[in-house]
Amino acid sequence: MDKIDFSAISSHIQELSFADVNSDVTDSYLEDVIVSDTNSTVNTAMSGVSNLSNIKYLRKFQMCNCTGVPVLDLSSNGYLEEVDVRGCSALANVSFPVAAPITSVKLSSGIQNLQMKDLTDLNSLTIESNGPALTTINVSNCKPFTDSIN
């Protein structure tokens, strides 16, 4: 299993936690997690996503339109390449891994603190502009990228 997609049932999920999802024995690794996509129904019930550190080889994380999740910790996901959390209006803080091969980040308008370090592969950063929540930006040692506020 390299991908799991909850988008068809995402509006019913209240809490999402991951444990023992990788198998070194079978070389089966979860790489893509789609909690919900931009076409998913808005989920006001979901309050959190935890234990993403258990997904050792996570490359893509997408969680759109989950309006009750305040924090997302991706700091242990050193293989991460893409993050899409648009429409998550309560999401104030996302922790990114230092020096991960991240190329694309799409953030919700609720983001308050943006801190990225040593993301030398970052090509694109998009932040929705539906609100003035962003108060702190600290981006260091990231290559110049195409930025966008929609």
N, C-alpha and C. Protein backbone atom coordinates (compact mmCIF):
# COMPACT_ATOMS: atom_id res chain seq x y z
N MET A 1 0.86 -1.17 0.00
CA MET A 1 0.00 0.00 0.00
C MET A 1 0.90 1.23 0.00
N ASP A 2 0.82 2.02 -1.04
CA ASP A 2 1.63 3.23 -1.07
C ASP A 2 0.77 4.49 -0.98
N LYS A 3 -0.55 4.32 -1.06
CA LYS A 3 -1.44 5.48 -1.02
C LYS A 3 -2.72 5.12 -0.28
N ILE A 4 -3.21 6.07 0.50
CA ILE A 4 -4.50 5.89 1.15
C ILE A 4 -5.30 7.17 0.92
N ASP A 5 -6.55 7.00 0.50
CA ASP A 5 -7.39 8.13 0.14
C ASP A 5 -8.72 8.04 0.89
N PHE A 6 -8.90 8.97 1.81
CA PHE A 6 -10.12 9.03 2.62
C PHE A 6 -11.14 10.01 2.06
N SER A 7 -10.87 10.62 0.91
CA SER A 7 -11.70 11.73 0.43
C SER A 7 -13.18 11.37 0.26
N ALA A 8 -13.50 10.14 -0.06
CA ALA A 8 -14.90 9.75 -0.24
C ALA A 8 -15.68 9.74 1.08
N ILE A 9 -14.96 9.56 2.19
CA ILE A 9 -15.61 9.50 3.50
C ILE A 9 -15.13 10.59 4.45
N SER A 10 -14.35 11.53 3.95
CA SER A 10 -13.69 12.51 4.82
C SER A 10 -14.64 13.35 5.67
N SER A 11 -15.83 13.61 5.19
CA SER A 11 -16.75 14.46 5.96
C SER A 11 -17.24 13.76 7.23
N HIS A 12 -16.99 12.46 7.37
CA HIS A 12 -17.42 11.70 8.55
C HIS A 12 -16.30 11.46 9.55
N ILE A 13 -15.07 11.83 9.20
CA ILE A 13 -13.92 11.56 10.07
C ILE A 13 -13.82 12.64 11.14
N GLN A 14 -13.68 12.21 12.41
CA GLN A 14 -13.55 13.16 13.51
C GLN A 14 -12.10 13.28 13.98
N GLU A 15 -11.37 12.20 13.96
CA GLU A 15 -9.97 12.17 14.40
C GLU A 15 -9.24 11.14 13.55
N LEU A 16 -8.03 11.45 13.16
CA LEU A 16 -7.26 10.54 12.31
C LEU A 16 -5.90 10.33 12.95
N SER A 17 -5.54 9.06 13.17
CA SER A 17 -4.27 8.73 13.80
C SER A 17 -3.66 7.55 13.04
N PHE A 18 -2.33 7.56 12.93
CA PHE A 18 -1.64 6.52 12.17
C PHE A 18 -0.69 5.74 13.08
N ALA A 19 -0.70 4.40 12.93
CA ALA A 19 0.21 3.54 13.69
C ALA A 19 0.57 2.33 12.85
N ASP A 20 1.83 1.95 12.87
CA ASP A 20 2.30 0.74 12.19
C ASP A 20 1.85 0.65 10.74
N VAL A 21 2.09 1.68 9.97
CA VAL A 21 1.63 1.69 8.58
C VAL A 21 2.70 1.30 7.58
N ASN A 22 3.95 1.17 8.02
CA ASN A 22 5.03 0.78 7.11
C ASN A 22 5.54 -0.60 7.47
N SER A 23 5.95 -1.35 6.48
CA SER A 23 6.49 -2.68 6.71
C SER A 23 7.82 -2.84 6.01
N ASP A 24 8.90 -2.89 6.78
CA ASP A 24 10.22 -3.11 6.20
C ASP A 24 10.34 -4.54 5.67
N VAL A 25 9.54 -5.45 6.20
CA VAL A 25 9.59 -6.85 5.78
C VAL A 25 9.08 -7.02 4.35
N THR A 26 7.97 -6.36 4.02
CA THR A 26 7.38 -6.51 2.69
C THR A 26 7.73 -5.36 1.75
N ASP A 27 8.55 -4.43 2.21
CA ASP A 27 8.88 -3.24 1.43
C ASP A 27 7.63 -2.47 1.00
N SER A 28 6.62 -2.49 1.84
CA SER A 28 5.39 -1.77 1.58
C SER A 28 5.38 -0.51 2.44
N TYR A 29 5.37 0.64 1.77
CA TYR A 29 5.44 1.90 2.48
C TYR A 29 4.31 2.82 2.06
N LEU A 30 3.67 3.43 3.04
CA LEU A 30 2.65 4.43 2.75
C LEU A 30 3.36 5.73 2.41
N GLU A 31 3.11 6.26 1.22
CA GLU A 31 3.77 7.48 0.77
C GLU A 31 2.82 8.65 0.58
N ASP A 32 1.58 8.39 0.19
CA ASP A 32 0.61 9.44 -0.08
C ASP A 32 -0.59 9.28 0.84
N VAL A 33 -0.92 10.36 1.56
CA VAL A 33 -2.11 10.36 2.41
C VAL A 33 -3.01 11.50 1.93
N ILE A 34 -4.20 11.11 1.48
CA ILE A 34 -5.21 12.09 1.06
C ILE A 34 -6.36 11.97 2.05
N VAL A 35 -6.42 12.91 2.97
CA VAL A 35 -7.52 12.94 3.93
C VAL A 35 -8.76 13.42 3.22
N SER A 36 -8.59 14.49 2.44
CA SER A 36 -9.68 15.05 1.65
C SER A 36 -9.05 15.92 0.57
N ASP A 37 -9.75 16.06 -0.54
CA ASP A 37 -9.23 16.90 -1.62
C ASP A 37 -10.08 18.16 -1.73
N THR A 38 -9.76 19.02 -2.68
CA THR A 38 -10.47 20.30 -2.79
C THR A 38 -11.93 20.14 -3.19
N ASN A 39 -12.31 18.98 -3.70
CA ASN A 39 -13.70 18.71 -4.07
C ASN A 39 -14.49 18.05 -2.95
N SER A 40 -13.83 17.74 -1.83
CA SER A 40 -14.49 17.08 -0.71
C SER A 40 -15.43 18.03 0.02
N THR A 41 -16.47 17.45 0.61
CA THR A 41 -17.39 18.21 1.45
C THR A 41 -16.64 18.77 2.64
N VAL A 42 -16.99 19.96 3.07
CA VAL A 42 -16.35 20.56 4.23
C VAL A 42 -16.57 19.68 5.45
N ASN A 43 -15.49 19.42 6.19
CA ASN A 43 -15.55 18.62 7.41
C ASN A 43 -15.35 19.54 8.60
N THR A 44 -16.42 19.79 9.35
CA THR A 44 -16.32 20.62 10.55
C THR A 44 -16.09 19.78 11.80
N ALA A 45 -16.23 18.47 11.70
CA ALA A 45 -16.12 17.58 12.86
C ALA A 45 -14.69 17.16 13.18
N MET A 46 -13.82 17.11 12.19
CA MET A 46 -12.46 16.65 12.43
C MET A 46 -11.70 17.63 13.30
N SER A 47 -11.12 17.10 14.39
CA SER A 47 -10.41 17.97 15.32
C SER A 47 -8.91 17.79 15.28
N GLY A 48 -8.43 16.73 14.63
CA GLY A 48 -6.99 16.56 14.60
C GLY A 48 -6.51 15.37 13.79
N VAL A 49 -5.23 15.45 13.44
CA VAL A 49 -4.51 14.37 12.77
C VAL A 49 -3.26 14.14 13.61
N SER A 50 -3.05 12.89 14.02
CA SER A 50 -1.90 12.63 14.89
C SER A 50 -1.09 11.43 14.41
N ASN A 51 0.09 11.34 14.95
CA ASN A 51 1.03 10.25 14.68
C ASN A 51 1.46 10.15 13.23
N LEU A 52 1.54 11.29 12.55
CA LEU A 52 2.06 11.28 11.18
C LEU A 52 3.53 10.87 11.14
N SER A 53 4.20 11.00 12.27
CA SER A 53 5.61 10.57 12.35
C SER A 53 5.74 9.07 12.12
N ASN A 54 4.65 8.32 12.29
CA ASN A 54 4.68 6.87 12.04
C ASN A 54 4.68 6.54 10.56
N ILE A 55 4.47 7.54 9.72
CA ILE A 55 4.52 7.32 8.28
C ILE A 55 5.89 7.79 7.81
N LYS A 56 6.85 6.91 7.95
CA LYS A 56 8.26 7.25 7.74
C LYS A 56 8.55 7.82 6.37
N TYR A 57 7.95 7.29 5.32
CA TYR A 57 8.25 7.69 3.95
C TYR A 57 7.17 8.56 3.32
N LEU A 58 6.43 9.29 4.14
CA LEU A 58 5.36 10.16 3.63
C LEU A 58 5.93 11.18 2.65
N ARG A 59 5.38 11.21 1.44
CA ARG A 59 5.82 12.15 0.41
C ARG A 59 4.77 13.20 0.10
N LYS A 60 3.50 12.80 0.16
CA LYS A 60 2.42 13.73 -0.18
C LYS A 60 1.37 13.68 0.92
N PHE A 61 0.98 14.88 1.42
CA PHE A 61 -0.08 14.97 2.41
C PHE A 61 -1.08 16.00 1.93
N GLN A 62 -2.34 15.58 1.80
CA GLN A 62 -3.41 16.47 1.36
C GLN A 62 -4.58 16.37 2.33
N MET A 63 -4.97 17.51 2.86
CA MET A 63 -6.11 17.58 3.78
C MET A 63 -6.79 18.92 3.51
N CYS A 64 -7.80 18.92 2.68
CA CYS A 64 -8.49 20.15 2.30
C CYS A 64 -9.88 20.21 2.93
N ASN A 65 -10.31 21.41 3.25
CA ASN A 65 -11.67 21.66 3.75
C ASN A 65 -11.98 21.02 5.09
N CYS A 66 -10.98 20.80 5.92
CA CYS A 66 -11.19 20.30 7.29
C CYS A 66 -11.06 21.50 8.21
N THR A 67 -12.18 22.10 8.56
CA THR A 67 -12.18 23.41 9.21
C THR A 67 -11.99 23.38 10.72
N GLY A 68 -11.86 22.21 11.32
CA GLY A 68 -11.70 22.13 12.79
C GLY A 68 -10.31 21.74 13.26
N VAL A 69 -9.37 21.54 12.36
CA VAL A 69 -8.02 21.10 12.74
C VAL A 69 -7.14 22.33 12.96
N PRO A 70 -6.65 22.56 14.21
CA PRO A 70 -5.87 23.76 14.49
C PRO A 70 -4.36 23.64 14.26
N VAL A 71 -3.82 22.40 14.34
CA VAL A 71 -2.38 22.20 14.28
C VAL A 71 -2.07 20.96 13.45
N LEU A 72 -0.98 21.02 12.70
CA LEU A 72 -0.54 19.87 11.91
C LEU A 72 0.97 19.74 12.07
N ASP A 73 1.41 18.58 12.58
CA ASP A 73 2.83 18.37 12.81
C ASP A 73 3.40 17.40 11.77
N LEU A 74 4.14 17.96 10.84
CA LEU A 74 4.81 17.18 9.79
C LEU A 74 6.33 17.18 10.00
N SER A 75 6.78 17.64 11.15
CA SER A 75 8.20 17.87 11.39
C SER A 75 9.06 16.60 11.34
N SER A 76 8.47 15.44 11.50
CA SER A 76 9.24 14.19 11.46
C SER A 76 9.20 13.51 10.09
N ASN A 77 8.55 14.12 9.13
CA ASN A 77 8.37 13.51 7.81
C ASN A 77 9.41 14.04 6.84
N GLY A 78 10.62 13.53 6.96
CA GLY A 78 11.77 14.01 6.20
C GLY A 78 11.78 13.71 4.72
N TYR A 79 10.84 12.90 4.23
CA TYR A 79 10.74 12.60 2.80
C TYR A 79 9.64 13.41 2.11
N LEU A 80 8.99 14.26 2.86
CA LEU A 80 7.84 15.01 2.37
C LEU A 80 8.18 15.87 1.16
N GLU A 81 7.31 15.81 0.13
CA GLU A 81 7.50 16.59 -1.10
C GLU A 81 6.37 17.58 -1.36
N GLU A 82 5.13 17.21 -1.00
CA GLU A 82 3.97 18.06 -1.29
C GLU A 82 3.04 18.12 -0.09
N VAL A 83 2.55 19.34 0.20
CA VAL A 83 1.58 19.55 1.27
C VAL A 83 0.48 20.44 0.72
N ASP A 84 -0.78 20.01 0.92
CA ASP A 84 -1.93 20.80 0.48
C ASP A 84 -2.96 20.79 1.60
N VAL A 85 -3.12 21.92 2.27
CA VAL A 85 -4.10 22.04 3.36
C VAL A 85 -5.02 23.23 3.14
N ARG A 86 -5.37 23.48 1.89
CA ARG A 86 -6.27 24.59 1.57
C ARG A 86 -7.66 24.34 2.15
N GLY A 87 -8.31 25.40 2.56
CA GLY A 87 -9.67 25.30 3.08
C GLY A 87 -9.75 24.89 4.54
N CYS A 88 -8.62 24.71 5.20
CA CYS A 88 -8.59 24.35 6.62
C CYS A 88 -8.46 25.63 7.43
N SER A 89 -9.56 26.34 7.59
CA SER A 89 -9.56 27.71 8.12
C SER A 89 -9.08 27.82 9.56
N ALA A 90 -9.19 26.77 10.37
CA ALA A 90 -8.72 26.81 11.76
C ALA A 90 -7.24 26.44 11.88
N LEU A 91 -6.65 25.97 10.80
CA LEU A 91 -5.26 25.51 10.84
C LEU A 91 -4.33 26.71 10.97
N ALA A 92 -3.85 26.95 12.19
CA ALA A 92 -3.02 28.12 12.48
C ALA A 92 -1.53 27.81 12.40
N ASN A 93 -1.16 26.55 12.62
CA ASN A 93 0.26 26.22 12.68
C ASN A 93 0.54 24.88 12.01
N VAL A 94 1.48 24.88 11.09
CA VAL A 94 1.96 23.66 10.46
C VAL A 94 3.46 23.58 10.72
N SER A 95 3.91 22.47 11.26
CA SER A 95 5.34 22.26 11.51
C SER A 95 5.91 21.47 10.34
N PHE A 96 6.88 22.07 9.65
CA PHE A 96 7.51 21.42 8.51
C PHE A 96 8.84 20.80 8.92
N PRO A 97 9.24 19.71 8.26
CA PRO A 97 10.55 19.13 8.56
C PRO A 97 11.67 20.00 7.99
N VAL A 98 12.77 20.09 8.71
CA VAL A 98 13.93 20.84 8.23
C VAL A 98 14.62 20.02 7.15
N ALA A 99 14.98 20.68 6.06
CA ALA A 99 15.76 20.08 4.96
C ALA A 99 15.04 18.94 4.23
N ALA A 100 13.73 18.92 4.25
CA ALA A 100 12.98 17.91 3.49
C ALA A 100 12.95 18.32 2.02
N PRO A 101 12.72 17.37 1.10
CA PRO A 101 12.69 17.69 -0.32
C PRO A 101 11.35 18.28 -0.79
N ILE A 102 10.74 19.13 0.02
CA ILE A 102 9.44 19.72 -0.29
C ILE A 102 9.55 20.63 -1.51
N THR A 103 8.65 20.40 -2.49
CA THR A 103 8.63 21.23 -3.69
C THR A 103 7.42 22.15 -3.74
N SER A 104 6.31 21.74 -3.09
CA SER A 104 5.07 22.51 -3.19
C SER A 104 4.32 22.52 -1.86
N VAL A 105 3.91 23.72 -1.44
CA VAL A 105 3.12 23.88 -0.22
C VAL A 105 1.93 24.77 -0.54
N LYS A 106 0.73 24.30 -0.19
CA LYS A 106 -0.50 25.07 -0.38
C LYS A 106 -1.18 25.17 0.99
N LEU A 107 -1.28 26.40 1.50
CA LEU A 107 -1.77 26.63 2.85
C LEU A 107 -3.11 27.36 2.87
N SER A 108 -3.83 27.16 3.95
CA SER A 108 -5.11 27.81 4.18
C SER A 108 -4.92 29.24 4.65
N SER A 109 -5.96 30.00 4.56
CA SER A 109 -5.92 31.40 5.02
C SER A 109 -5.80 31.51 6.53
N GLY A 110 -6.06 30.44 7.27
CA GLY A 110 -5.98 30.47 8.73
C GLY A 110 -4.57 30.40 9.28
N ILE A 111 -3.59 30.12 8.44
CA ILE A 111 -2.22 29.97 8.92
C ILE A 111 -1.74 31.26 9.59
N GLN A 112 -1.20 31.13 10.79
CA GLN A 112 -0.73 32.30 11.54
C GLN A 112 0.79 32.38 11.56
N ASN A 113 1.44 31.24 11.72
CA ASN A 113 2.89 31.20 11.79
C ASN A 113 3.44 30.31 10.69
N LEU A 114 4.31 30.86 9.87
CA LEU A 114 4.92 30.10 8.79
C LEU A 114 6.42 30.08 9.02
N GLN A 115 6.95 28.88 9.28
CA GLN A 115 8.38 28.72 9.49
C GLN A 115 8.87 27.56 8.64
N MET A 116 9.80 27.87 7.76
CA MET A 116 10.39 26.87 6.87
C MET A 116 11.90 27.06 6.89
N LYS A 117 12.62 25.96 7.01
CA LYS A 117 14.08 26.06 7.07
C LYS A 117 14.72 24.99 6.20
N ASP A 118 15.67 25.43 5.39
CA ASP A 118 16.48 24.53 4.56
C ASP A 118 15.64 23.71 3.58
N LEU A 119 14.59 24.29 3.05
CA LEU A 119 13.76 23.62 2.04
C LEU A 119 14.27 24.06 0.67
N THR A 120 15.39 23.53 0.28
CA THR A 120 16.09 23.98 -0.93
C THR A 120 15.42 23.53 -2.23
N ASP A 121 14.45 22.62 -2.15
CA ASP A 121 13.72 22.17 -3.35
C ASP A 121 12.39 22.89 -3.53
N LEU A 122 12.03 23.76 -2.59
CA LEU A 122 10.73 24.44 -2.63
C LEU A 122 10.60 25.31 -3.88
N ASN A 123 9.61 24.99 -4.70
CA ASN A 123 9.34 25.74 -5.93
C ASN A 123 8.09 26.60 -5.84
N SER A 124 7.14 26.19 -4.99
CA SER A 124 5.85 26.87 -4.98
C SER A 124 5.28 26.93 -3.57
N LEU A 125 4.86 28.13 -3.17
CA LEU A 125 4.18 28.35 -1.90
C LEU A 125 2.92 29.15 -2.20
N THR A 126 1.77 28.57 -1.87
CA THR A 126 0.49 29.23 -2.08
C THR A 126 -0.22 29.37 -0.75
N ILE A 127 -0.69 30.59 -0.46
CA ILE A 127 -1.46 30.85 0.76
C ILE A 127 -2.77 31.50 0.35
N GLU A 128 -3.89 30.88 0.75
CA GLU A 128 -5.19 31.48 0.47
C GLU A 128 -5.30 32.82 1.19
N SER A 129 -5.96 33.77 0.58
CA SER A 129 -6.03 35.11 1.18
C SER A 129 -7.40 35.48 1.72
N ASN A 130 -8.14 34.51 2.22
CA ASN A 130 -9.48 34.79 2.72
C ASN A 130 -9.50 35.38 4.12
N GLY A 131 -8.35 35.71 4.67
CA GLY A 131 -8.30 36.29 6.00
C GLY A 131 -6.91 36.77 6.33
N PRO A 132 -6.79 37.70 7.27
CA PRO A 132 -5.50 38.30 7.61
C PRO A 132 -4.79 37.57 8.75
N ALA A 133 -4.85 36.26 8.82
CA ALA A 133 -4.34 35.52 9.97
C ALA A 133 -2.81 35.49 10.07
N LEU A 134 -2.10 35.50 8.95
CA LEU A 134 -0.65 35.34 8.96
C LEU A 134 0.02 36.50 9.70
N THR A 135 0.73 36.16 10.79
CA THR A 135 1.39 37.18 11.59
C THR A 135 2.91 37.02 11.62
N THR A 136 3.40 35.79 11.44
CA THR A 136 4.84 35.55 11.51
C THR A 136 5.29 34.72 10.32
N ILE A 137 6.30 35.20 9.62
CA ILE A 137 6.90 34.45 8.51
C ILE A 137 8.39 34.35 8.77
N ASN A 138 8.90 33.12 8.78
CA ASN A 138 10.33 32.90 8.93
C ASN A 138 10.73 31.82 7.93
N VAL A 139 11.24 32.23 6.81
CA VAL A 139 11.67 31.31 5.76
C VAL A 139 13.17 31.52 5.59
N SER A 140 13.95 30.49 5.89
CA SER A 140 15.40 30.64 5.79
C SER A 140 16.03 29.50 5.01
N ASN A 141 17.00 29.86 4.20
CA ASN A 141 17.76 28.92 3.38
C ASN A 141 16.85 28.07 2.49
N CYS A 142 15.88 28.71 1.89
CA CYS A 142 15.02 28.07 0.90
C CYS A 142 15.32 28.75 -0.43
N LYS A 143 15.36 27.96 -1.50
CA LYS A 143 15.65 28.58 -2.79
C LYS A 143 14.50 29.49 -3.19
N PRO A 144 14.78 30.48 -4.04
CA PRO A 144 13.68 31.35 -4.48
C PRO A 144 12.57 30.51 -5.12
N PHE A 145 11.35 30.84 -4.80
CA PHE A 145 10.22 30.07 -5.31
C PHE A 145 9.15 31.00 -5.85
N THR A 146 8.20 30.41 -6.56
CA THR A 146 7.06 31.16 -7.04
C THR A 146 6.05 31.21 -5.91
N ASP A 147 5.80 32.40 -5.39
CA ASP A 147 4.83 32.51 -4.30
C ASP A 147 3.53 33.10 -4.81
N SER A 148 2.47 32.74 -4.12
CA SER A 148 1.17 33.18 -4.58
C SER A 148 0.23 33.32 -3.40
N ILE A 149 -0.51 34.39 -3.36
CA ILE A 149 -1.60 34.56 -2.40
C ILE A 149 -2.86 34.69 -3.23
N ASN A 150 -3.73 33.69 -3.08
CA ASN A 150 -4.96 33.64 -3.87
C ASN A 150 -6.10 34.28 -3.14
